[in-house]
C-alpha atoms as a PDB file:
ATOM      1  CA  MET A   1       7.827 106.602 103.228  1.00  0.00           C
ATOM      2  CA  ALA A   2       4.908 104.254 103.064  1.00  0.00           C
ATOM      3  CA  LYS A   3       4.587 101.638 105.759  1.00  0.00           C
ATOM      4  CA  LYS A   4       4.585  98.024 104.704  1.00  0.00           C
ATOM      5  CA  LYS A   5       1.681  95.951 105.910  1.00  0.00           C
ATOM      6  CA  ALA A   6       2.558  92.721 107.659  1.00  0.00           C
ATOM      7  CA  LYS A   7       1.168  89.618 106.017  1.00  0.00           C
ATOM      8  CA  LYS A   8      -1.285  87.707 108.152  1.00  0.00           C
ATOM      9  CA  LYS A   9      -1.175  83.943 108.306  1.00  0.00           C
ATOM     10  CA  ALA A  10      -4.406  82.088 107.812  1.00  0.00           C
ATOM     11  CA  GLY A  11      -5.827  80.403 110.882  1.00  0.00           C
ATOM     12  CA  LYS A  12      -5.004  81.103 114.501  1.00  0.00           C
ATOM     13  CA  LYS A  13      -2.840  84.037 115.460  1.00  0.00           C
ATOM     14  CA  LEU A  14       0.396  82.800 117.007  1.00  0.00           C
ATOM     15  CA  ILE A  15       2.384  84.418 119.743  1.00  0.00           C
ATOM     16  CA  LYS A  16       5.984  85.078 118.731  1.00  0.00           C
ATOM     17  CA  GLY A  17       8.097  82.031 119.461  1.00  0.00           C
ATOM     18  CA  MET A  18       5.217  79.600 119.890  1.00  0.00           C
ATOM     19  CA  TRP A  19       5.542  76.320 118.012  1.00  0.00           C
ATOM     20  CA  THR A  20       2.561  74.733 116.270  1.00  0.00           C
ATOM     21  CA  LYS A  21       1.835  71.018 116.447  1.00  0.00           C
ATOM     22  CA  GLY A  22       2.763  70.757 112.785  1.00  0.00           C
ATOM     23  CA  GLU A  23       6.137  72.386 113.387  1.00  0.00           C
ATOM     24  CA  THR A  24       6.938  70.144 116.350  1.00  0.00           C
ATOM     25  CA  SER A  25       5.932  67.021 114.434  1.00  0.00           C
ATOM     26  CA  LEU A  26       8.100  68.085 111.481  1.00  0.00           C
ATOM     27  CA  LEU A  27      10.982  68.759 113.879  1.00  0.00           C
ATOM     28  CA  THR A  28      10.533  65.323 115.461  1.00  0.00           C
ATOM     29  CA  ARG A  29      10.565  63.661 112.042  1.00  0.00           C
ATOM     30  CA  LEU A  30      13.458  65.587 110.479  1.00  0.00           C
ATOM     31  CA  PHE A  31      15.842  66.360 113.331  1.00  0.00           C
ATOM     32  CA  PRO A  32      17.477  62.927 113.894  1.00  0.00           C
ATOM     33  CA  ASN A  33      18.745  62.478 110.313  1.00  0.00           C
ATOM     34  CA  THR A  34      18.913  65.996 108.843  1.00  0.00           C
ATOM     35  CA  PRO A  35      21.411  68.818 109.422  1.00  0.00           C
ATOM     36  CA  THR A  36      19.979  71.318 111.901  1.00  0.00           C
ATOM     37  CA  VAL A  37      20.540  74.207 109.478  1.00  0.00           C
ATOM     38  CA  VAL A  38      18.355  72.480 106.878  1.00  0.00           C
ATOM     39  CA  VAL A  39      15.612  71.802 109.452  1.00  0.00           C
ATOM     40  CA  ALA A  40      15.717  75.474 110.508  1.00  0.00           C
ATOM     41  CA  LYS A  41      15.319  76.644 106.908  1.00  0.00           C
ATOM     42  CA  LYS A  42      12.381  74.299 106.301  1.00  0.00           C
ATOM     43  CA  LEU A  43      10.686  75.583 109.447  1.00  0.00           C
ATOM     44  CA  GLY A  44      11.569  79.210 108.773  1.00  0.00           C
ATOM     45  CA  ARG A  45      13.090  79.564 112.231  1.00  0.00           C
ATOM     46  CA  PRO A  46      16.539  80.553 113.484  1.00  0.00           C
ATOM     47  CA  HIS A  47      19.126  77.793 113.871  1.00  0.00           C
ATOM     48  CA  ASP A  48      19.476  78.415 117.623  1.00  0.00           C
ATOM     49  CA  ALA A  49      15.700  78.256 118.148  1.00  0.00           C
ATOM     50  CA  VAL A  50      15.592  74.836 116.475  1.00  0.00           C
ATOM     51  CA  LYS A  51      18.494  73.579 118.606  1.00  0.00           C
ATOM     52  CA  ARG A  52      16.825  74.811 121.818  1.00  0.00           C
ATOM     53  CA  LYS A  53      13.450  73.305 120.936  1.00  0.00           C
ATOM     54  CA  ALA A  54      15.012  69.960 119.967  1.00  0.00           C
ATOM     55  CA  SER A  55      16.921  69.930 123.245  1.00  0.00           C
ATOM     56  CA  ARG A  56      13.778  70.687 125.265  1.00  0.00           C
ATOM     57  CA  MET A  57      11.997  67.875 123.406  1.00  0.00           C
ATOM     58  CA  ARG A  58      14.979  65.599 124.167  1.00  0.00           C
ATOM     59  CA  LEU A  59      15.572  64.919 120.484  1.00  0.00           C
ATOM     60  CA  ARG A  60      18.985  63.607 119.492  1.00  0.00           C
ATOM     61  CA  LYS A  61      20.779  63.068 116.223  1.00  0.00           C
ATOM     62  CA  SER A  62      20.761  59.408 115.189  1.00  0.00           C
ATOM     63  CA  LYS A  63      23.907  57.286 115.461  1.00  0.00           C
ATOM     64  CA  ARG A  64      23.735  56.756 111.714  1.00  0.00           C
ATOM     65  CA  TYR A  65      23.698  60.515 111.054  1.00  0.00           C
ATOM     66  CA  MET A  66      26.539  61.167 113.508  1.00  0.00           C
ATOM     67  CA  LYS A  67      28.613  58.450 111.842  1.00  0.00           C
ATOM     68  CA  SER A  68      27.928  59.948 108.406  1.00  0.00           C
ATOM     69  CA  ILE A  69      29.455  63.261 109.493  1.00  0.00           C
ATOM     70  CA  GLY A  70      32.392  61.530 111.202  1.00  0.00           C
ATOM     71  CA  ARG A  71      31.376  62.141 114.795  1.00  0.00           C
ATOM     72  CA  ALA A  72      30.560  58.676 116.067  1.00  0.00           C
END
């Protein structure tokens, strides 16, 4: 079997699990009013990783969002 070559991203090489400034700014902008699953898909990261990072950044869902899903 032939081995598949991993695609390299342009720019700096990232350590697994490290978040870029662009990713954290997108998380900050989207997290309060967007379902976490959708944010995870946009970032290309696992759902749990997004929840942990948002928690460490002390991000919270907005009252408006919580009310819209019937949790406020």
